[in-house]
Structures are given as C-alpha cells and as structure tokens.
Amino acid sequence: MSINNLKSVRLNILFTSNNILCTITNLQGKVLFWTSAGSKKSRGMKKVTLTTIISILRSLIEYLDKLKIKNIHLNLSGFDKNKKIVLKYFKHSFFNILSLTNNSMLSHNGCKNLKKRYI
C-alpha cells in the first residue's frame, strides 16, 4: 500500500514530563511523519506550553492535508493536562476520529498494608 492511497492513519502522541512526541503511522505501524516540541526550537519548560502544542498540531494537520487523509485513529499516552487541548483541537478540525485510545498507565504500588495494632 503506497502513501497515495491511504484511507486512514494512526496518530500517536506521547506526553512526557518535559517534551511532546507525535508520530503518524500507517495501520501496520510504519512511520510516515514525526515531530516533537524539541524540533520546534523550544527549550526547557516552554516545550509543554499551549502555543508549542498548537504549532505541533498545525504541522501534523498540514502533513495530513497534503496526503488528503480524513480518518485518523488517535492514540494518547503519558500524563499531561494538555490532552484535553489536543482532543478539542481535533474535534473542531475536519478529521473523522475513528478510535481514541488512552494508554496512561500509573503504577500505584499495590494496596496499603494494614496498620499494626498496639495493645
């Protein structure tokens, strides 16, 4: 399957504590395009600001426009308050979101032990 006749792609967005990584893959997992907050020449805590996220999403949308793709599978992973911004941005765009997965695994180290009773 060539790039020209793709019907849908998978968009993976990874939120780390100080960076945002985005990759566009086909449904088999082959990477077609990638970008990150660091590649936009922003450094430090400026990488996870609203303006940087919107500039990343604009570059993703430009690439998807160039390929004429309307259907995406959205995969969000990591912990960040900006996930809602990404969802809102794609909801107001012209894309059809076919599936939405959220892979945020938080280890909680199991249940808390009972306190010993002192007599």
PDB file of N, CA and C in Angstrom:
ATOM      1  N   MET A   1       0.841  -1.176   0.000  1.00  0.00           N
ATOM      2  CA  MET A   1       0.000   0.000   0.000  1.00  0.00           C
ATOM      3  C   MET A   1       0.888   1.241   0.000  1.00  0.00           C
ATOM      4  N   SER A   2       0.731   2.084  -0.983  1.00  0.00           N
ATOM      5  CA  SER A   2       1.577   3.274  -1.049  1.00  0.00           C
ATOM      6  C   SER A   2       0.971   4.407  -0.232  1.00  0.00           C
ATOM      7  N   ILE A   3       1.742   5.483  -0.111  1.00  0.00           N
ATOM      8  CA  ILE A   3       1.284   6.626   0.675  1.00  0.00           C
ATOM      9  C   ILE A   3       0.101   7.308   0.001  1.00  0.00           C
ATOM     10  N   ASN A   4       0.022   7.230  -1.321  1.00  0.00           N
ATOM     11  CA  ASN A   4      -1.012   7.966  -2.053  1.00  0.00           C
ATOM     12  C   ASN A   4      -2.417   7.422  -1.833  1.00  0.00           C
ATOM     13  N   ASN A   5      -2.576   6.132  -1.556  1.00  0.00           N
ATOM     14  CA  ASN A   5      -3.920   5.583  -1.420  1.00  0.00           C
ATOM     15  C   ASN A   5      -4.237   5.147   0.011  1.00  0.00           C
ATOM     16  N   LEU A   6      -3.724   5.880   0.994  1.00  0.00           N
ATOM     17  CA  LEU A   6      -4.079   5.606   2.385  1.00  0.00           C
ATOM     18  C   LEU A   6      -5.463   6.154   2.673  1.00  0.00           C
ATOM     19  N   LYS A   7      -6.265   5.385   3.410  1.00  0.00           N
ATOM     20  CA  LYS A   7      -7.580   5.874   3.796  1.00  0.00           C
ATOM     21  C   LYS A   7      -7.590   6.398   5.230  1.00  0.00           C
ATOM     22  N   SER A   8      -6.820   5.753   6.100  1.00  0.00           N
ATOM     23  CA  SER A   8      -6.753   6.209   7.486  1.00  0.00           C
ATOM     24  C   SER A   8      -5.354   5.953   8.030  1.00  0.00           C
ATOM     25  N   VAL A   9      -4.974   6.747   9.026  1.00  0.00           N
ATOM     26  CA  VAL A   9      -3.659   6.618   9.652  1.00  0.00           C
ATOM     27  C   VAL A   9      -3.838   6.605  11.164  1.00  0.00           C
ATOM     28  N   ARG A  10      -2.782   6.227  11.852  1.00  0.00           N
ATOM     29  CA  ARG A  10      -2.778   6.230  13.311  1.00  0.00           C
ATOM     30  C   ARG A  10      -1.883   7.372  13.772  1.00  0.00           C
ATOM     31  N   LEU A  11      -2.404   8.213  14.658  1.00  0.00           N
ATOM     32  CA  LEU A  11      -1.653   9.336  15.201  1.00  0.00           C
ATOM     33  C   LEU A  11      -1.344   9.039  16.658  1.00  0.00           C
ATOM     34  N   ASN A  12      -0.054   8.879  16.987  1.00  0.00           N
ATOM     35  CA  ASN A  12       0.386   8.582  18.347  1.00  0.00           C
ATOM     36  C   ASN A  12       0.976   9.852  18.948  1.00  0.00           C
ATOM     37  N   ILE A  13       0.478  10.253  20.106  1.00  0.00           N
ATOM     38  CA  ILE A  13       1.001  11.428  20.796  1.00  0.00           C
ATOM     39  C   ILE A  13       1.435  10.990  22.186  1.00  0.00           C
ATOM     40  N   LEU A  14       2.716  11.186  22.496  1.00  0.00           N
ATOM     41  CA  LEU A  14       3.282  10.816  23.793  1.00  0.00           C
ATOM     42  C   LEU A  14       3.620  12.081  24.555  1.00  0.00           C
ATOM     43  N   PHE A  15       2.991  12.247  25.713  1.00  0.00           N
ATOM     44  CA  PHE A  15       3.274  13.379  26.590  1.00  0.00           C
ATOM     45  C   PHE A  15       4.247  12.913  27.657  1.00  0.00           C
ATOM     46  N   THR A  16       5.466  13.436  27.642  1.00  0.00           N
ATOM     47  CA  THR A  16       6.405  13.169  28.723  1.00  0.00           C
ATOM     48  C   THR A  16       6.428  14.386  29.626  1.00  0.00           C
ATOM     49  N   SER A  17       7.228  14.343  30.683  1.00  0.00           N
ATOM     50  CA  SER A  17       7.206  15.442  31.641  1.00  0.00           C
ATOM     51  C   SER A  17       7.755  16.729  31.052  1.00  0.00           C
ATOM     52  N   ASN A  18       8.668  16.621  30.076  1.00  0.00           N
ATOM     53  CA  ASN A  18       9.214  17.858  29.522  1.00  0.00           C
ATOM     54  C   ASN A  18       9.305  17.844  28.000  1.00  0.00           C
ATOM     55  N   ASN A  19       8.515  17.015  27.323  1.00  0.00           N
ATOM     56  CA  ASN A  19       8.504  17.014  25.860  1.00  0.00           C
ATOM     57  C   ASN A  19       7.211  16.383  25.369  1.00  0.00           C
ATOM     58  N   ILE A  20       6.896  16.619  24.106  1.00  0.00           N
ATOM     59  CA  ILE A  20       5.722  16.029  23.467  1.00  0.00           C
ATOM     60  C   ILE A  20       6.188  15.433  22.148  1.00  0.00           C
ATOM     61  N   LEU A  21       5.959  14.140  21.951  1.00  0.00           N
ATOM     62  CA  LEU A  21       6.388  13.441  20.748  1.00  0.00           C
ATOM     63  C   LEU A  21       5.162  12.986  19.964  1.00  0.00           C
ATOM     64  N   CYS A  22       5.120  13.297  18.668  1.00  0.00           N
ATOM     65  CA  CYS A  22       3.993  12.926  17.820  1.00  0.00           C
ATOM     66  C   CYS A  22       4.497  12.143  16.623  1.00  0.00           C
ATOM     67  N   THR A  23       3.843  11.024  16.316  1.00  0.00           N
ATOM     68  CA  THR A  23       4.182  10.246  15.127  1.00  0.00           C
ATOM     69  C   THR A  23       2.911   9.891  14.376  1.00  0.00           C
ATOM     70  N   ILE A  24       3.001   9.938  13.061  1.00  0.00           N
ATOM     71  CA  ILE A  24       1.912   9.481  12.199  1.00  0.00           C
ATOM     72  C   ILE A  24       2.386   8.193  11.550  1.00  0.00           C
ATOM     73  N   THR A  25       1.636   7.118  11.759  1.00  0.00           N
ATOM     74  CA  THR A  25       1.989   5.827  11.180  1.00  0.00           C
ATOM     75  C   THR A  25       0.820   5.306  10.358  1.00  0.00           C
ATOM     76  N   ASN A  26       1.120   4.379   9.446  1.00  0.00           N
ATOM     77  CA  ASN A  26       0.016   3.697   8.782  1.00  0.00           C
ATOM     78  C   ASN A  26      -0.513   2.634   9.735  1.00  0.00           C
ATOM     79  N   LEU A  27      -1.523   1.907   9.322  1.00  0.00           N
ATOM     80  CA  LEU A  27      -2.157   0.959  10.240  1.00  0.00           C
ATOM     81  C   LEU A  27      -1.268  -0.234  10.560  1.00  0.00           C
ATOM     82  N   GLN A  28      -0.239  -0.477   9.739  1.00  0.00           N
ATOM     83  CA  GLN A  28       0.706  -1.554  10.033  1.00  0.00           C
ATOM     84  C   GLN A  28       1.792  -1.108  11.009  1.00  0.00           C
ATOM     85  N   GLY A  29       1.945   0.191  11.238  1.00  0.00           N
ATOM     86  CA  GLY A  29       2.925   0.689  12.185  1.00  0.00           C
ATOM     87  C   GLY A  29       4.150   1.328  11.564  1.00  0.00           C
ATOM     88  N   LYS A  30       4.189   1.475  10.252  1.00  0.00           N
ATOM     89  CA  LYS A  30       5.330   2.110   9.584  1.00  0.00           C
ATOM     90  C   LYS A  30       5.217   3.629   9.732  1.00  0.00           C
ATOM     91  N   VAL A  31       6.288   4.263  10.211  1.00  0.00           N
ATOM     92  CA  VAL A  31       6.266   5.702  10.494  1.00  0.00           C
ATOM     93  C   VAL A  31       6.295   6.480   9.185  1.00  0.00           C
ATOM     94  N   LEU A  32       5.317   7.398   9.035  1.00  0.00           N
ATOM     95  CA  LEU A  32       5.255   8.249   7.862  1.00  0.00           C
ATOM     96  C   LEU A  32       5.802   9.644   8.154  1.00  0.00           C
ATOM     97  N   PHE A  33       5.557  10.156   9.360  1.00  0.00           N
ATOM     98  CA  PHE A  33       5.950  11.517   9.721  1.00  0.00           C
ATOM     99  C   PHE A  33       6.048  11.583  11.227  1.00  0.00           C
ATOM    100  N   TRP A  34       6.991  12.378  11.736  1.00  0.00           N
ATOM    101  CA  TRP A  34       7.094  12.559  13.177  1.00  0.00           C
ATOM    102  C   TRP A  34       7.505  13.994  13.465  1.00  0.00           C
ATOM    103  N   THR A  35       7.173  14.473  14.629  1.00  0.00           N
ATOM    104  CA  THR A  35       7.592  15.782  15.093  1.00  0.00           C
ATOM    105  C   THR A  35       7.572  15.791  16.613  1.00  0.00           C
ATOM    106  N   SER A  36       8.246  16.758  17.189  1.00  0.00           N
ATOM    107  CA  SER A  36       8.263  16.880  18.643  1.00  0.00           C
ATOM    108  C   SER A  36       8.368  18.353  19.020  1.00  0.00           C
ATOM    109  N   ALA A  37       8.176  18.630  20.292  1.00  0.00           N
ATOM    110  CA  ALA A  37       8.289  20.013  20.758  1.00  0.00           C
ATOM    111  C   ALA A  37       9.726  20.491  20.673  1.00  0.00           C
ATOM    112  N   GLY A  38      10.679  19.600  20.841  1.00  0.00           N
ATOM    113  CA  GLY A  38      12.080  19.972  20.733  1.00  0.00           C
ATOM    114  C   GLY A  38      12.490  20.314  19.317  1.00  0.00           C
ATOM    115  N   SER A  39      11.827  19.708  18.321  1.00  0.00           N
ATOM    116  CA  SER A  39      12.158  20.018  16.934  1.00  0.00           C
ATOM    117  C   SER A  39      11.613  21.367  16.498  1.00  0.00           C
ATOM    118  N   LYS A  40      10.753  21.968  17.301  1.00  0.00           N
ATOM    119  CA  LYS A  40      10.214  23.301  17.016  1.00  0.00           C
ATOM    120  C   LYS A  40      11.065  24.401  17.639  1.00  0.00           C
ATOM    121  N   LYS A  41      12.274  24.072  18.057  1.00  0.00           N
ATOM    122  CA  LYS A  41      13.251  25.006  18.617  1.00  0.00           C
ATOM    123  C   LYS A  41      12.803  25.642  19.937  1.00  0.00           C
ATOM    124  N   SER A  42      11.960  24.958  20.681  1.00  0.00           N
ATOM    125  CA  SER A  42      11.605  25.452  22.009  1.00  0.00           C
ATOM    126  C   SER A  42      12.363  24.621  23.038  1.00  0.00           C
ATOM    127  N   ARG A  43      12.805  25.274  24.103  1.00  0.00           N
ATOM    128  CA  ARG A  43      13.669  24.608  25.062  1.00  0.00           C
ATOM    129  C   ARG A  43      13.084  24.703  26.463  1.00  0.00           C
ATOM    130  N   GLY A  44      13.433  23.735  27.300  1.00  0.00           N
ATOM    131  CA  GLY A  44      13.040  23.771  28.711  1.00  0.00           C
ATOM    132  C   GLY A  44      11.549  23.581  28.897  1.00  0.00           C
ATOM    133  N   MET A  45      10.983  24.331  29.836  1.00  0.00           N
ATOM    134  CA  MET A  45       9.552  24.205  30.147  1.00  0.00           C
ATOM    135  C   MET A  45       8.679  24.844  29.081  1.00  0.00           C
ATOM    136  N   LYS A  46       9.274  25.552  28.116  1.00  0.00           N
ATOM    137  CA  LYS A  46       8.480  26.125  27.032  1.00  0.00           C
ATOM    138  C   LYS A  46       7.957  25.040  26.101  1.00  0.00           C
ATOM    139  N   LYS A  47       8.503  23.820  26.218  1.00  0.00           N
ATOM    140  CA  LYS A  47       8.099  22.737  25.325  1.00  0.00           C
ATOM    141  C   LYS A  47       6.686  22.242  25.586  1.00  0.00           C
ATOM    142  N   VAL A  48       6.176  22.441  26.774  1.00  0.00           N
ATOM    143  CA  VAL A  48       4.841  21.924  27.089  1.00  0.00           C
ATOM    144  C   VAL A  48       3.832  23.051  27.265  1.00  0.00           C
ATOM    145  N   THR A  49       4.027  24.161  26.562  1.00  0.00           N
ATOM    146  CA  THR A  49       3.066  25.260  26.625  1.00  0.00           C
ATOM    147  C   THR A  49       2.029  25.099  25.518  1.00  0.00           C
ATOM    148  N   LEU A  50       0.970  25.880  25.621  1.00  0.00           N
ATOM    149  CA  LEU A  50      -0.150  25.796  24.693  1.00  0.00           C
ATOM    150  C   LEU A  50       0.274  26.179  23.278  1.00  0.00           C
ATOM    151  N   THR A  51       1.093  27.209  23.141  1.00  0.00           N
ATOM    152  CA  THR A  51       1.488  27.657  21.805  1.00  0.00           C
ATOM    153  C   THR A  51       2.337  26.609  21.092  1.00  0.00           C
ATOM    154  N   THR A  52       3.200  25.930  21.832  1.00  0.00           N
ATOM    155  CA  THR A  52       4.025  24.884  21.226  1.00  0.00           C
ATOM    156  C   THR A  52       3.164  23.708  20.785  1.00  0.00           C
ATOM    157  N   ILE A  53       2.194  23.329  21.608  1.00  0.00           N
ATOM    158  CA  ILE A  53       1.304  22.215  21.258  1.00  0.00           C
ATOM    159  C   ILE A  53       0.516  22.536  19.999  1.00  0.00           C
ATOM    160  N   ILE A  54       0.022  23.760  19.897  1.00  0.00           N
ATOM    161  CA  ILE A  54      -0.763  24.144  18.728  1.00  0.00           C
ATOM    162  C   ILE A  54       0.116  24.176  17.479  1.00  0.00           C
ATOM    163  N   SER A  55       1.375  24.611  17.606  1.00  0.00           N
ATOM    164  CA  SER A  55       2.259  24.617  16.431  1.00  0.00           C
ATOM    165  C   SER A  55       2.576  23.189  15.983  1.00  0.00           C
ATOM    166  N   ILE A  56       2.725  22.266  16.935  1.00  0.00           N
ATOM    167  CA  ILE A  56       2.934  20.857  16.577  1.00  0.00           C
ATOM    168  C   ILE A  56       1.711  20.311  15.853  1.00  0.00           C
ATOM    169  N   LEU A  57       0.524  20.598  16.381  1.00  0.00           N
ATOM    170  CA  LEU A  57      -0.692  20.084  15.763  1.00  0.00           C
ATOM    171  C   LEU A  57      -0.913  20.679  14.377  1.00  0.00           C
ATOM    172  N   ARG A  58      -0.536  21.936  14.187  1.00  0.00           N
ATOM    173  CA  ARG A  58      -0.656  22.545  12.857  1.00  0.00           C
ATOM    174  C   ARG A  58       0.229  21.840  11.844  1.00  0.00           C
ATOM    175  N   SER A  59       1.456  21.505  12.252  1.00  0.00           N
ATOM    176  CA  SER A  59       2.347  20.815  11.310  1.00  0.00           C
ATOM    177  C   SER A  59       1.823  19.413  10.992  1.00  0.00           C
ATOM    178  N   LEU A  60       1.215  18.749  11.997  1.00  0.00           N
ATOM    179  CA  LEU A  60       0.603  17.437  11.735  1.00  0.00           C
ATOM    180  C   LEU A  60      -0.552  17.558  10.752  1.00  0.00           C
ATOM    181  N   ILE A  61      -1.387  18.572  10.942  1.00  0.00           N
ATOM    182  CA  ILE A  61      -2.552  18.750  10.085  1.00  0.00           C
ATOM    183  C   ILE A  61      -2.127  19.123   8.664  1.00  0.00           C
ATOM    184  N   GLU A  62      -1.062  19.916   8.536  1.00  0.00           N
ATOM    185  CA  GLU A  62      -0.543  20.236   7.203  1.00  0.00           C
ATOM    186  C   GLU A  62      -0.120  18.973   6.458  1.00  0.00           C
ATOM    187  N   TYR A  63       0.565  18.084   7.176  1.00  0.00           N
ATOM    188  CA  TYR A  63       1.019  16.844   6.548  1.00  0.00           C
ATOM    189  C   TYR A  63      -0.167  15.969   6.154  1.00  0.00           C
ATOM    190  N   LEU A  64      -1.163  15.875   7.031  1.00  0.00           N
ATOM    191  CA  LEU A  64      -2.337  15.057   6.724  1.00  0.00           C
ATOM    192  C   LEU A  64      -3.145  15.667   5.583  1.00  0.00           C
ATOM    193  N   ASP A  65      -3.162  16.998   5.484  1.00  0.00           N
ATOM    194  CA  ASP A  65      -3.821  17.660   4.354  1.00  0.00           C
ATOM    195  C   ASP A  65      -3.121  17.321   3.053  1.00  0.00           C
ATOM    196  N   LYS A  66      -1.788  17.298   3.099  1.00  0.00           N
ATOM    197  CA  LYS A  66      -1.010  17.004   1.898  1.00  0.00           C
ATOM    198  C   LYS A  66      -1.297  15.585   1.401  1.00  0.00           C
ATOM    199  N   LEU A  67      -1.504  14.656   2.347  1.00  0.00           N
ATOM    200  CA  LEU A  67      -1.820  13.275   1.972  1.00  0.00           C
ATOM    201  C   LEU A  67      -3.300  13.062   1.673  1.00  0.00           C
ATOM    202  N   LYS A  68      -4.137  14.077   1.933  1.00  0.00           N
ATOM    203  CA  LYS A  68      -5.602  14.014   1.725  1.00  0.00           C
ATOM    204  C   LYS A  68      -6.228  12.910   2.557  1.00  0.00           C
ATOM    205  N   ILE A  69      -5.867  12.859   3.842  1.00  0.00           N
ATOM    206  CA  ILE A  69      -6.398  11.845   4.753  1.00  0.00           C
ATOM    207  C   ILE A  69      -7.457  12.496   5.641  1.00  0.00           C
ATOM    208  N   LYS A  70      -8.594  11.831   5.761  1.00  0.00           N
ATOM    209  CA  LYS A  70      -9.697  12.367   6.567  1.00  0.00           C
ATOM    210  C   LYS A  70      -9.942  11.559   7.840  1.00  0.00           C
ATOM    211  N   ASN A  71      -9.539  10.285   7.886  1.00  0.00           N
ATOM    212  CA  ASN A  71      -9.838   9.408   9.018  1.00  0.00           C
ATOM    213  C   ASN A  71      -8.561   9.128   9.803  1.00  0.00           C
ATOM    214  N   ILE A  72      -8.632   9.311  11.129  1.00  0.00           N
ATOM    215  CA  ILE A  72      -7.465   9.031  11.962  1.00  0.00           C
ATOM    216  C   ILE A  72      -7.874   8.200  13.169  1.00  0.00           C
ATOM    217  N   HIS A  73      -6.954   7.385  13.627  1.00  0.00           N
ATOM    218  CA  HIS A  73      -7.065   6.673  14.890  1.00  0.00           C
ATOM    219  C   HIS A  73      -6.135   7.407  15.849  1.00  0.00           C
ATOM    220  N   LEU A  74      -6.655   7.941  16.931  1.00  0.00           N
ATOM    221  CA  LEU A  74      -5.885   8.772  17.846  1.00  0.00           C
ATOM    222  C   LEU A  74      -5.456   7.948  19.050  1.00  0.00           C
ATOM    223  N   ASN A  75      -4.168   7.977  19.366  1.00  0.00           N
ATOM    224  CA  ASN A  75      -3.612   7.216  20.483  1.00  0.00           C
ATOM    225  C   ASN A  75      -2.842   8.190  21.376  1.00  0.00           C
ATOM    226  N   LEU A  76      -3.343   8.464  22.572  1.00  0.00           N
ATOM    227  CA  LEU A  76      -2.706   9.378  23.508  1.00  0.00           C
ATOM    228  C   LEU A  76      -2.075   8.576  24.630  1.00  0.00           C
ATOM    229  N   SER A  77      -0.845   8.912  24.999  1.00  0.00           N
ATOM    230  CA  SER A  77      -0.218   8.218  26.115  1.00  0.00           C
ATOM    231  C   SER A  77       0.620   9.210  26.904  1.00  0.00           C
ATOM    232  N   GLY A  78       0.796   8.903  28.181  1.00  0.00           N
ATOM    233  CA  GLY A  78       1.514   9.792  29.073  1.00  0.00           C
ATOM    234  C   GLY A  78       0.542  10.602  29.911  1.00  0.00           C
ATOM    235  N   PHE A  79       1.097  11.402  30.813  1.00  0.00           N
ATOM    236  CA  PHE A  79       0.272  12.198  31.709  1.00  0.00           C
ATOM    237  C   PHE A  79       0.493  13.665  31.457  1.00  0.00           C
ATOM    238  N   ASP A  80      -0.560  14.360  31.120  1.00  0.00           N
ATOM    239  CA  ASP A  80      -0.465  15.793  30.942  1.00  0.00           C
ATOM    240  C   ASP A  80      -1.866  16.359  30.919  1.00  0.00           C
ATOM    241  N   LYS A  81      -1.980  17.609  31.366  1.00  0.00           N
ATOM    242  CA  LYS A  81      -3.283  18.256  31.343  1.00  0.00           C
ATOM    243  C   LYS A  81      -3.639  18.720  29.942  1.00  0.00           C
ATOM    244  N   ASN A  82      -2.689  18.691  29.024  1.00  0.00           N
ATOM    245  CA  ASN A  82      -2.905  19.200  27.682  1.00  0.00           C
ATOM    246  C   ASN A  82      -3.553  18.188  26.746  1.00  0.00           C
ATOM    247  N   LYS A  83      -3.870  16.994  27.229  1.00  0.00           N
ATOM    248  CA  LYS A  83      -4.564  16.008  26.398  1.00  0.00           C
ATOM    249  C   LYS A  83      -5.918  16.537  25.953  1.00  0.00           C
ATOM    250  N   LYS A  84      -6.588  17.255  26.845  1.00  0.00           N
ATOM    251  CA  LYS A  84      -7.904  17.804  26.511  1.00  0.00           C
ATOM    252  C   LYS A  84      -7.806  18.837  25.405  1.00  0.00           C
ATOM    253  N   ILE A  85      -6.708  19.589  25.382  1.00  0.00           N
ATOM    254  CA  ILE A  85      -6.499  20.587  24.332  1.00  0.00           C
ATOM    255  C   ILE A  85      -6.357  19.893  22.980  1.00  0.00           C
ATOM    256  N   VAL A  86      -5.614  18.795  22.949  1.00  0.00           N
ATOM    257  CA  VAL A  86      -5.414  18.043  21.706  1.00  0.00           C
ATOM    258  C   VAL A  86      -6.741  17.481  21.219  1.00  0.00           C
ATOM    259  N   LEU A  87      -7.522  16.917  22.126  1.00  0.00           N
ATOM    260  CA  LEU A  87      -8.828  16.370  21.744  1.00  0.00           C
ATOM    261  C   LEU A  87      -9.748  17.451  21.196  1.00  0.00           C
ATOM    262  N   LYS A  88      -9.769  18.594  21.858  1.00  0.00           N
ATOM    263  CA  LYS A  88     -10.625  19.697  21.418  1.00  0.00           C
ATOM    264  C   LYS A  88     -10.189  20.196  20.041  1.00  0.00           C
ATOM    265  N   TYR A  89      -8.874  20.254  19.834  1.00  0.00           N
ATOM    266  CA  TYR A  89      -8.342  20.738  18.552  1.00  0.00           C
ATOM    267  C   TYR A  89      -8.742  19.805  17.414  1.00  0.00           C
ATOM    268  N   PHE A  90      -8.658  18.496  17.640  1.00  0.00           N
ATOM    269  CA  PHE A  90      -9.023  17.548  16.591  1.00  0.00           C
ATOM    270  C   PHE A  90     -10.525  17.432  16.427  1.00  0.00           C
ATOM    271  N   LYS A  91     -11.276  17.697  17.477  1.00  0.00           N
ATOM    272  CA  LYS A  91     -12.730  17.640  17.370  1.00  0.00           C
ATOM    273  C   LYS A  91     -13.259  18.766  16.481  1.00  0.00           C
ATOM    274  N   HIS A  92     -12.589  19.938  16.552  1.00  0.00           N
ATOM    275  CA  HIS A  92     -13.020  21.077  15.744  1.00  0.00           C
ATOM    276  C   HIS A  92     -12.401  21.084  14.353  1.00  0.00           C
ATOM    277  N   SER A  93     -11.514  20.147  14.070  1.00  0.00           N
ATOM    278  CA  SER A  93     -10.932  20.064  12.733  1.00  0.00           C
ATOM    279  C   SER A  93     -11.833  19.200  11.854  1.00  0.00           C
ATOM    280  N   PHE A  94     -11.435  19.021  10.604  1.00  0.00           N
ATOM    281  CA  PHE A  94     -12.274  18.317   9.640  1.00  0.00           C
ATOM    282  C   PHE A  94     -12.038  16.819   9.639  1.00  0.00           C
ATOM    283  N   PHE A  95     -11.263  16.281  10.598  1.00  0.00           N
ATOM    284  CA  PHE A  95     -10.952  14.858  10.626  1.00  0.00           C
ATOM    285  C   PHE A  95     -12.066  14.054  11.279  1.00  0.00           C
ATOM    286  N   ASN A  96     -12.215  12.801  10.832  1.00  0.00           N
ATOM    287  CA  ASN A  96     -13.086  11.838  11.499  1.00  0.00           C
ATOM    288  C   ASN A  96     -12.210  11.018  12.429  1.00  0.00           C
ATOM    289  N   ILE A  97     -12.473  11.084  13.730  1.00  0.00           N
ATOM    290  CA  ILE A  97     -11.719  10.278  14.684  1.00  0.00           C
ATOM    291  C   ILE A  97     -12.413   8.922  14.777  1.00  0.00           C
ATOM    292  N   LEU A  98     -11.773   7.888  14.236  1.00  0.00           N
ATOM    293  CA  LEU A  98     -12.379   6.562  14.207  1.00  0.00           C
ATOM    294  C   LEU A  98     -12.261   5.864  15.549  1.00  0.00           C
ATOM    295  N   SER A  99     -11.114   6.003  16.217  1.00  0.00           N
ATOM    296  CA  SER A  99     -10.949   5.405  17.535  1.00  0.00           C
ATOM    297  C   SER A  99     -10.052   6.301  18.367  1.00  0.00           C
ATOM    298  N   LEU A 100     -10.241   6.215  19.668  1.00  0.00           N
ATOM    299  CA  LEU A 100      -9.475   7.027  20.602  1.00  0.00           C
ATOM    300  C   LEU A 100      -9.017   6.116  21.726  1.00  0.00           C
ATOM    301  N   THR A 101      -7.701   5.963  21.884  1.00  0.00           N
ATOM    302  CA  THR A 101      -7.177   5.150  22.976  1.00  0.00           C
ATOM    303  C   THR A 101      -6.306   6.018  23.860  1.00  0.00           C
ATOM    304  N   ASN A 102      -6.352   5.731  25.142  1.00  0.00           N
ATOM    305  CA  ASN A 102      -5.605   6.493  26.128  1.00  0.00           C
ATOM    306  C   ASN A 102      -4.782   5.508  26.945  1.00  0.00           C
ATOM    307  N   ASN A 103      -3.481   5.441  26.673  1.00  0.00           N
ATOM    308  CA  ASN A 103      -2.603   4.500  27.356  1.00  0.00           C
ATOM    309  C   ASN A 103      -1.844   5.226  28.456  1.00  0.00           C
ATOM    310  N   SER A 104      -2.516   5.523  29.547  1.00  0.00           N
ATOM    311  CA  SER A 104      -1.864   6.190  30.668  1.00  0.00           C
ATOM    312  C   SER A 104      -1.805   5.207  31.824  1.00  0.00           C
ATOM    313  N   MET A 105      -0.680   4.544  31.943  1.00  0.00           N
ATOM    314  CA  MET A 105      -0.540   3.553  32.994  1.00  0.00           C
ATOM    315  C   MET A 105       0.175   4.184  34.183  1.00  0.00           C
ATOM    316  N   LEU A 106      -0.478   4.207  35.317  1.00  0.00           N
ATOM    317  CA  LEU A 106       0.089   4.791  36.525  1.00  0.00           C
ATOM    318  C   LEU A 106       0.265   3.674  37.537  1.00  0.00           C
ATOM    319  N   SER A 107       1.508   3.414  37.914  1.00  0.00           N
ATOM    320  CA  SER A 107       1.724   2.384  38.919  1.00  0.00           C
ATOM    321  C   SER A 107       1.331   2.946  40.276  1.00  0.00           C
ATOM    322  N   HIS A 108       0.656   2.140  41.063  1.00  0.00           N
ATOM    323  CA  HIS A 108       0.217   2.616  42.374  1.00  0.00           C
ATOM    324  C   HIS A 108       0.793   1.777  43.504  1.00  0.00           C
ATOM    325  N   ASN A 109       1.716   0.868  43.199  1.00  0.00           N
ATOM    326  CA  ASN A 109       2.439   0.061  44.181  1.00  0.00           C
ATOM    327  C   ASN A 109       1.533  -0.790  45.059  1.00  0.00           C
ATOM    328  N   GLY A 110       0.398  -1.171  44.557  1.00  0.00           N
ATOM    329  CA  GLY A 110      -0.475  -2.101  45.261  1.00  0.00           C
ATOM    330  C   GLY A 110      -1.272  -1.464  46.385  1.00  0.00           C
ATOM    331  N   CYS A 111      -1.909  -2.319  47.180  1.00  0.00           N
ATOM    332  CA  CYS A 111      -2.737  -1.859  48.284  1.00  0.00           C
ATOM    333  C   CYS A 111      -1.867  -1.524  49.491  1.00  0.00           C
ATOM    334  N   LYS A 112      -2.380  -0.655  50.327  1.00  0.00           N
ATOM    335  CA  LYS A 112      -1.656  -0.248  51.521  1.00  0.00           C
ATOM    336  C   LYS A 112      -1.830  -1.308  52.605  1.00  0.00           C
ATOM    337  N   ASN A 113      -0.741  -1.623  53.316  1.00  0.00           N
ATOM    338  CA  ASN A 113      -0.820  -2.618  54.401  1.00  0.00           C
ATOM    339  C   ASN A 113      -1.598  -2.038  55.563  1.00  0.00           C
ATOM    340  N   LEU A 114      -2.243  -2.948  56.312  1.00  0.00           N
ATOM    341  CA  LEU A 114      -2.973  -2.511  57.488  1.00  0.00           C
ATOM    342  C   LEU A 114      -2.006  -2.062  58.568  1.00  0.00           C
ATOM    343  N   LYS A 115      -2.424  -1.087  59.340  1.00  0.00           N
ATOM    344  CA  LYS A 115      -1.595  -0.590  60.426  1.00  0.00           C
ATOM    345  C   LYS A 115      -1.570  -1.638  61.546  1.00  0.00           C
ATOM    346  N   LYS A 116      -0.389  -1.834  62.161  1.00  0.00           N
ATOM    347  CA  LYS A 116      -0.313  -2.788  63.261  1.00  0.00           C
ATOM    348  C   LYS A 116      -1.030  -2.212  64.461  1.00  0.00           C
ATOM    349  N   ARG A 117      -1.709  -3.099  65.158  1.00  0.00           N
ATOM    350  CA  ARG A 117      -2.477  -2.668  66.326  1.00  0.00           C
ATOM    351  C   ARG A 117      -1.602  -2.744  67.562  1.00  0.00           C
ATOM    352  N   TYR A 118      -1.500  -1.640  68.292  1.00  0.00           N
ATOM    353  CA  TYR A 118      -0.725  -1.610  69.530  1.00  0.00           C
ATOM    354  C   TYR A 118      -1.654  -1.864  70.714  1.00  0.00           C
ATOM    355  N   ILE A 119      -1.250  -2.795  71.584  1.00  0.00           N
ATOM    356  CA  ILE A 119      -2.066  -3.125  72.764  1.00  0.00           C
ATOM    357  C   ILE A 119      -1.332  -2.709  74.014  1.00  0.00           C
TER     358      ILE A 119
END
